Amino acid sequence: MPEKAHSEEQIRRSYECLRQLFDQAGDAIFVHGFDGRFTDVNRAACEMLGYTREEFLNGMSPWDFVVRDSRETMQQHWAAMQPRVPITVTDEVRRKDGTTFPAEVRLVRYESSEREAIIAICRDITERREAEEARARAEIAILEERSRIAREIHDSLAQSFTGILLQLEAAEAATEAGASNESYLCRVRDLARFGLAEARRSVLALRPLALEEKGLEYALRQLAERSSIEGALSCEFSASGAPQRVDPSVELGLFRIAQEAVTNAIKHANPKRIALELISNDSAVRLSISDDGSGIAIAHGRGYGLVQMQERAQQINGSLAVQTSPSEGTSIIVVVPIASPASQP
């Protein structure tokens, strides 16, 4: 075979090899001039967007399917590129059927003595984007769960410790007066056991034992009994309406609001009496926590406890109202609507 013919055969075989690599590439490859008109596309490009090769080569341009960038923006971008220096961009791409997907595009500006062209290698990154979003959602969920558990521990232990301190102070006062302090110490032991059990269950992200086993009414009654201090603070509970078990998240939210309200009143308002009232009917559950203390300052912003109570009410689709004055104490009222059985899925 003459040398020239041999050289041409090598070129032909090299071209066929490159053509096969081009067509069999897993990523979509587009070749177009600076006017945007496609001069070649591979099989993956046709499969990715749903057009035939003939449709691409019959006058189509990138701006026919790139969602965000305009023709002018793209051409300015190409003109600013350095020859043979690849860059990577992301954009939304529209298929022939109108659906869109996120894509990562690697662009190279190619120049030779005969022509200038842009080679775009495009990859569908839907799965990558979904994985990134899933990781982000997981991280947010973890942070929210940590915050929730922290609130559970705060609510449980703060209430228990406040009660223990008050009972110990009452015991000391009784001792100084020569009276028996046994009843106060019994309450301290009960509160310590309660706080320890609640702390363990909060760490495990479980509901309070009393609430889980016997319901909201029983748990609130127990809360009132453990918060009372003989001769110093009367904490009372009352309930009306037919007792009923509602969604566990609603029960837990109302119980934690009651805990926070009682703890705040004891800490900040120095009350002599706290009243918890639970009213239930077929359409709503209403919980009120009232005290005769000195009131709480909310005119210049809400304290941490009030913010937590408001957030808990919102989480269970309830509304929370606060009424307070130095002469009349504070009332916190939470109302949670209950869906009727017919409207539940």
Protein backbone atom coordinates (compact mmCIF):
# COMPACT_ATOMS: atom_id res chain seq x y z
CA MET A 1 0.00 0.00 0.00
CA PRO A 2 1.45 3.40 -0.97
CA GLU A 3 2.56 5.60 1.92
CA LYS A 4 -0.12 8.22 1.24
CA ALA A 5 -2.88 5.64 1.16
CA HIS A 6 -1.54 4.07 4.37
CA SER A 7 -1.57 7.46 6.10
CA GLU A 8 -5.14 8.12 4.95
CA GLU A 9 -6.22 4.72 6.26
CA GLN A 10 -4.69 5.48 9.65
CA ILE A 11 -6.52 8.80 9.75
CA ARG A 12 -9.78 7.09 8.79
CA ARG A 13 -9.38 4.48 11.52
CA SER A 14 -8.48 7.11 14.09
CA TYR A 15 -11.55 9.11 13.12
CA GLU A 16 -13.79 6.05 13.40
CA CYS A 17 -12.34 5.27 16.82
CA LEU A 18 -12.89 8.81 18.02
CA ARG A 19 -16.39 8.80 16.54
CA GLN A 20 -17.26 5.67 18.45
CA LEU A 21 -15.93 7.17 21.67
CA PHE A 22 -17.95 10.32 20.96
CA ASP A 23 -21.17 8.42 20.29
CA GLN A 24 -20.78 5.92 23.13
CA ALA A 25 -19.88 8.49 25.80
CA GLY A 26 -22.19 8.38 28.82
CA ASP A 27 -22.41 12.18 29.05
CA ALA A 28 -24.17 14.29 26.46
CA ILE A 29 -21.72 16.11 24.17
CA PHE A 30 -22.70 19.14 22.08
CA VAL A 31 -20.46 20.89 19.54
CA HIS A 32 -21.53 24.29 18.21
CA GLY A 33 -20.09 27.46 16.78
CA PHE A 34 -20.10 30.91 18.33
CA ASP A 35 -23.40 31.53 16.54
CA GLY A 36 -24.89 28.74 18.66
CA ARG A 37 -25.77 26.42 15.77
CA PHE A 38 -24.95 22.80 16.50
CA THR A 39 -22.51 21.03 14.22
CA ASP A 40 -22.49 17.73 16.06
CA VAL A 41 -24.11 15.95 19.01
CA ASN A 42 -23.67 12.45 20.34
CA ARG A 43 -26.22 9.75 21.10
CA ALA A 44 -26.40 10.61 24.80
CA ALA A 45 -27.39 14.20 23.91
CA CYS A 46 -30.31 12.93 21.85
CA GLU A 47 -31.43 10.55 24.61
CA MET A 48 -31.05 13.20 27.30
CA LEU A 49 -33.20 15.86 25.62
CA GLY A 50 -35.45 13.76 23.38
CA TYR A 51 -34.44 15.36 20.05
CA THR A 52 -33.06 13.53 17.06
CA ARG A 53 -29.61 14.33 15.73
CA GLU A 54 -31.22 15.80 12.62
CA GLU A 55 -33.32 18.16 14.76
CA PHE A 56 -30.23 19.38 16.58
CA LEU A 57 -28.30 19.96 13.34
CA ASN A 58 -31.23 21.64 11.61
CA GLY A 59 -30.79 25.05 13.20
CA MET A 60 -31.13 24.36 16.96
CA SER A 61 -29.04 26.29 19.50
CA PRO A 62 -28.38 25.96 23.26
CA TRP A 63 -30.83 28.74 24.10
CA ASP A 64 -33.62 26.57 22.69
CA PHE A 65 -33.47 24.37 25.79
CA VAL A 66 -31.33 26.09 28.46
CA VAL A 67 -33.83 27.58 30.90
CA ARG A 68 -32.13 30.48 32.68
CA ASP A 69 -29.51 31.98 30.33
CA SER A 70 -30.48 34.08 27.31
CA ARG A 71 -28.78 34.03 23.92
CA GLU A 72 -26.91 37.26 24.65
CA THR A 73 -25.72 36.01 28.03
CA MET A 74 -24.41 32.78 26.54
CA GLN A 75 -22.56 34.44 23.67
CA GLN A 76 -20.93 36.93 26.03
CA HIS A 77 -19.89 34.02 28.21
CA TRP A 78 -18.35 32.12 25.28
CA ALA A 79 -16.46 35.18 24.08
CA ALA A 80 -14.89 35.65 27.52
CA MET A 81 -13.62 32.06 27.70
CA GLN A 82 -9.93 31.30 27.28
CA PRO A 83 -9.08 28.76 24.56
CA ARG A 84 -8.66 25.20 25.88
CA VAL A 85 -9.36 26.28 29.47
CA PRO A 86 -12.44 24.34 30.61
CA ILE A 87 -15.04 25.85 32.92
CA THR A 88 -17.97 24.21 34.66
CA VAL A 89 -21.43 25.74 35.05
CA THR A 90 -24.80 24.49 36.28
CA ASP A 91 -28.17 25.32 34.78
CA GLU A 92 -31.69 24.01 34.28
CA VAL A 93 -32.27 22.25 30.96
CA ARG A 94 -35.62 21.65 29.26
CA ARG A 95 -36.36 18.43 27.38
CA LYS A 96 -38.43 18.27 24.22
CA ASP A 97 -41.46 17.14 26.27
CA GLY A 98 -41.22 20.27 28.44
CA THR A 99 -39.84 18.67 31.59
CA THR A 100 -36.72 20.17 33.13
CA PHE A 101 -33.75 18.86 35.10
CA PRO A 102 -30.60 20.29 36.68
CA ALA A 103 -27.44 19.84 34.61
CA GLU A 104 -23.72 20.34 35.09
CA VAL A 105 -22.05 21.54 31.90
CA ARG A 106 -18.30 21.53 31.23
CA LEU A 107 -17.43 24.01 28.48
CA VAL A 108 -14.26 24.15 26.41
CA ARG A 109 -13.45 26.75 23.77
CA TYR A 110 -11.67 25.05 20.88
CA GLU A 111 -9.75 26.96 18.22
CA SER A 112 -7.90 25.74 15.14
CA SER A 113 -6.75 27.27 11.85
CA GLU A 114 -10.02 26.15 10.28
CA ARG A 115 -12.70 26.86 12.86
CA GLU A 116 -13.69 27.95 16.34
CA ALA A 117 -16.15 25.94 18.37
CA ILE A 118 -17.57 25.37 21.84
CA ILE A 119 -17.62 21.81 23.14
CA ALA A 120 -20.16 21.30 25.92
CA ILE A 121 -20.19 18.11 27.97
CA CYS A 122 -23.50 17.92 29.84
CA ARG A 123 -24.43 15.66 32.76
CA ASP A 124 -27.83 15.22 34.40
CA ILE A 125 -27.27 15.88 38.13
CA THR A 126 -30.81 15.20 39.32
CA GLU A 127 -29.72 12.29 41.53
CA ARG A 128 -26.80 14.29 42.93
CA ARG A 129 -29.06 17.26 43.66
CA GLU A 130 -31.63 15.02 45.33
CA ALA A 131 -28.89 13.39 47.42
CA GLU A 132 -27.59 16.82 48.48
CA GLU A 133 -31.09 17.96 49.39
CA ALA A 134 -31.68 14.72 51.29
CA ARG A 135 -28.45 15.26 53.25
CA ALA A 136 -29.46 18.84 53.98
CA ARG A 137 -32.90 17.72 55.17
CA ALA A 138 -31.29 15.04 57.31
CA GLU A 139 -28.95 17.59 58.90
CA ILE A 140 -31.86 19.93 59.59
CA ALA A 141 -33.86 17.06 61.06
CA ILE A 142 -30.94 16.12 63.31
CA LEU A 143 -30.59 19.71 64.53
CA GLU A 144 -34.33 19.97 65.14
CA GLU A 145 -34.32 16.68 67.01
CA ARG A 146 -31.39 17.82 69.15
CA SER A 147 -33.21 21.06 69.93
CA ARG A 148 -36.40 19.17 70.71
CA ILE A 149 -34.63 16.81 73.10
CA ALA A 150 -32.83 19.77 74.70
CA ARG A 151 -36.20 21.45 75.26
CA GLU A 152 -37.63 18.23 76.69
CA ILE A 153 -34.75 17.99 79.17
CA HIS A 154 -35.03 21.68 80.02
CA ASP A 155 -38.76 21.47 80.58
CA SER A 156 -38.57 18.33 82.71
CA LEU A 157 -35.52 19.13 84.84
CA ALA A 158 -36.24 22.84 85.29
CA GLN A 159 -39.68 22.08 86.68
CA SER A 160 -38.37 19.34 88.96
CA PHE A 161 -35.42 21.37 90.26
CA THR A 162 -37.60 24.42 90.92
CA GLY A 163 -39.99 22.26 92.92
CA ILE A 164 -37.15 20.63 94.85
CA LEU A 165 -35.64 24.02 95.78
CA LEU A 166 -38.98 25.38 96.94
CA GLN A 167 -39.73 22.28 99.00
CA LEU A 168 -36.27 22.42 100.60
CA GLU A 169 -36.76 26.09 101.47
CA ALA A 170 -40.11 25.22 103.03
CA ALA A 171 -38.48 22.36 104.96
CA GLU A 172 -35.79 24.71 106.30
CA ALA A 173 -38.45 27.20 107.36
CA ALA A 174 -40.40 24.46 109.13
CA THR A 175 -37.27 23.26 110.93
CA GLU A 176 -36.48 26.79 112.12
CA ALA A 177 -40.05 27.11 113.40
CA GLY A 178 -39.79 23.80 115.25
CA ALA A 179 -42.36 22.09 113.02
CA SER A 180 -42.10 18.78 111.18
CA ASN A 181 -40.43 18.87 107.78
CA GLU A 182 -41.17 15.26 106.82
CA SER A 183 -43.91 16.12 104.31
CA TYR A 184 -41.58 18.52 102.48
CA LEU A 185 -38.77 15.97 102.34
CA CYS A 186 -41.20 13.37 100.98
CA ARG A 187 -42.10 15.78 98.20
CA VAL A 188 -38.40 16.37 97.49
CA ARG A 189 -37.86 12.64 97.10
CA ASP A 190 -40.88 12.37 94.81
CA LEU A 191 -39.74 15.29 92.69
CA ALA A 192 -36.20 13.93 92.45
CA ARG A 193 -37.48 10.53 91.32
CA PHE A 194 -39.83 12.20 88.86
CA GLY A 195 -37.07 14.42 87.46
CA LEU A 196 -34.68 11.52 87.07
CA ALA A 197 -37.27 9.40 85.26
CA GLU A 198 -38.21 12.31 83.00
CA ALA A 199 -34.57 13.05 82.19
CA ARG A 200 -33.99 9.46 81.15
CA ARG A 201 -37.11 9.39 79.03
CA SER A 202 -36.32 12.77 77.46
CA VAL A 203 -32.89 11.55 76.42
CA LEU A 204 -34.63 8.66 74.72
CA ALA A 205 -37.04 11.14 73.08
CA LEU A 206 -40.05 9.46 74.71
CA ARG A 207 -43.21 10.92 76.17
CA PRO A 208 -43.53 11.39 79.96
CA LEU A 209 -44.55 8.13 81.62
CA ALA A 210 -47.70 9.51 83.23
CA LEU A 211 -48.80 11.06 79.95
CA GLU A 212 -48.07 7.93 77.96
CA GLU A 213 -49.84 5.53 80.29
CA LYS A 214 -52.81 7.52 81.63
CA GLY A 215 -53.32 10.56 79.40
CA LEU A 216 -53.18 14.33 79.59
CA GLU A 217 -55.71 14.84 82.39
CA TYR A 218 -53.87 12.53 84.77
CA ALA A 219 -50.46 14.03 83.89
CA LEU A 220 -51.71 17.59 84.53
CA ARG A 221 -53.28 16.57 87.82
CA GLN A 222 -49.98 14.99 88.86
CA LEU A 223 -48.11 18.14 87.78
CA ALA A 224 -50.36 20.28 89.98
CA GLU A 225 -49.94 18.00 93.00
CA ARG A 226 -46.15 17.97 92.72
CA SER A 227 -45.97 21.74 92.30
CA SER A 228 -47.95 22.54 95.44
CA ILE A 229 -46.10 23.68 98.56
CA GLU A 230 -48.00 23.32 101.81
CA GLY A 231 -48.65 26.71 103.34
CA ALA A 232 -46.89 28.58 100.52
CA LEU A 233 -48.29 27.64 97.10
CA SER A 234 -51.51 25.98 96.10
CA CYS A 235 -51.46 24.48 92.60
CA GLU A 236 -54.87 23.15 91.59
CA PHE A 237 -56.17 21.24 88.57
CA SER A 238 -59.70 20.98 87.20
CA ALA A 239 -61.15 19.39 84.09
CA SER A 240 -64.52 19.57 82.36
CA GLY A 241 -65.99 17.93 79.32
CA ALA A 242 -65.79 14.30 78.34
CA PRO A 243 -62.24 12.96 78.88
CA GLN A 244 -60.73 11.83 75.61
CA ARG A 245 -57.34 10.84 74.26
CA VAL A 246 -56.19 13.16 71.47
CA ASP A 247 -53.18 12.93 69.17
CA PRO A 248 -50.05 12.07 71.22
CA SER A 249 -48.19 15.10 69.87
CA VAL A 250 -51.05 17.38 71.03
CA GLU A 251 -51.04 15.83 74.50
CA LEU A 252 -47.27 16.21 74.78
CA GLY A 253 -47.33 19.82 73.53
CA LEU A 254 -50.07 20.86 75.99
CA PHE A 255 -48.32 19.11 78.88
CA ARG A 256 -44.99 20.82 78.14
CA ILE A 257 -46.71 24.21 77.86
CA ALA A 258 -48.30 23.62 81.27
CA GLN A 259 -44.91 22.65 82.73
CA GLU A 260 -43.24 25.77 81.33
CA ALA A 261 -46.06 28.04 82.49
CA VAL A 262 -46.01 26.65 86.05
CA THR A 263 -42.21 26.88 86.23
CA ASN A 264 -42.21 30.47 84.92
CA ALA A 265 -44.87 31.53 87.40
CA ILE A 266 -42.99 30.03 90.37
CA LYS A 267 -39.65 31.49 89.23
CA HIS A 268 -40.73 34.99 88.29
CA ALA A 269 -44.17 35.90 89.66
CA ASN A 270 -44.13 34.65 93.31
CA PRO A 271 -47.74 33.41 93.22
CA LYS A 272 -49.77 32.00 96.09
CA ARG A 273 -52.12 30.09 93.80
CA ILE A 274 -51.83 28.49 90.35
CA ALA A 275 -54.84 27.01 88.57
CA LEU A 276 -54.67 24.58 85.66
CA GLU A 277 -57.93 24.02 83.79
CA LEU A 278 -58.53 21.60 80.93
CA ILE A 279 -61.74 21.84 78.90
CA SER A 280 -62.43 19.27 76.19
CA ASN A 281 -65.20 18.94 73.64
CA ASP A 282 -65.66 17.44 70.20
CA SER A 283 -64.09 20.39 68.39
CA ALA A 284 -61.21 21.63 70.58
CA VAL A 285 -59.10 21.21 73.69
CA ARG A 286 -58.57 24.32 75.84
CA LEU A 287 -55.86 24.54 78.48
CA SER A 288 -55.46 27.54 80.77
CA ILE A 289 -52.77 28.16 83.38
CA SER A 290 -53.55 31.10 85.67
CA ASP A 291 -51.72 32.49 88.68
CA ASP A 292 -52.22 35.36 91.13
CA GLY A 293 -48.60 36.47 91.04
CA SER A 294 -46.95 39.75 90.14
CA GLY A 295 -47.34 39.33 86.37
CA ILE A 296 -44.63 38.97 83.75
CA ALA A 297 -43.03 41.65 81.58
CA ILE A 298 -43.81 41.06 77.91
CA ALA A 299 -44.18 44.62 76.63
CA HIS A 300 -40.58 44.80 75.38
CA GLY A 301 -40.25 41.28 74.04
CA ARG A 302 -41.05 37.77 75.08
CA GLY A 303 -38.86 35.74 77.38
CA TYR A 304 -37.37 32.39 76.50
CA GLY A 305 -40.18 30.46 78.22
CA LEU A 306 -42.92 32.33 76.35
CA VAL A 307 -41.15 31.79 73.05
CA GLN A 308 -40.94 28.06 73.73
CA MET A 309 -44.63 27.91 74.65
CA GLN A 310 -45.59 29.81 71.50
CA GLU A 311 -43.50 27.47 69.35
CA ARG A 312 -45.04 24.41 70.96
CA ALA A 313 -48.54 25.75 70.36
CA GLN A 314 -47.75 26.37 66.70
CA GLN A 315 -46.31 22.86 66.32
CA ILE A 316 -49.65 21.33 67.38
CA ASN A 317 -51.68 23.81 65.26
CA GLY A 318 -52.91 25.62 68.35
CA SER A 319 -53.19 29.27 69.38
CA LEU A 320 -51.65 30.72 72.54
CA ALA A 321 -52.73 33.90 74.28
CA VAL A 322 -51.12 35.62 77.27
CA GLN A 323 -52.95 37.98 79.62
CA THR A 324 -50.91 39.58 82.41
CA SER A 325 -50.96 42.51 84.80
CA PRO A 326 -49.26 43.26 88.14
CA SER A 327 -52.60 43.32 89.96
CA GLU A 328 -54.28 40.29 88.38
CA GLY A 329 -51.41 37.87 87.72
CA THR A 330 -50.99 35.97 84.47
CA SER A 331 -53.21 33.69 82.40
CA ILE A 332 -51.90 31.58 79.55
CA ILE A 333 -54.57 30.04 77.34
CA VAL A 334 -53.94 27.45 74.64
CA VAL A 335 -56.65 26.25 72.27
CA VAL A 336 -56.07 23.33 69.90
CA PRO A 337 -58.78 22.40 67.37
CA ILE A 338 -59.56 18.71 67.01
CA ALA A 339 -60.58 17.24 63.67
CA SER A 340 -63.82 15.29 63.73
CA PRO A 341 -63.58 11.57 62.89
CA ALA A 342 -65.42 12.16 59.59
CA SER A 343 -62.80 14.64 58.44
CA GLN A 344 -59.81 12.51 59.33
CA PRO A 345 -58.14 10.57 56.51
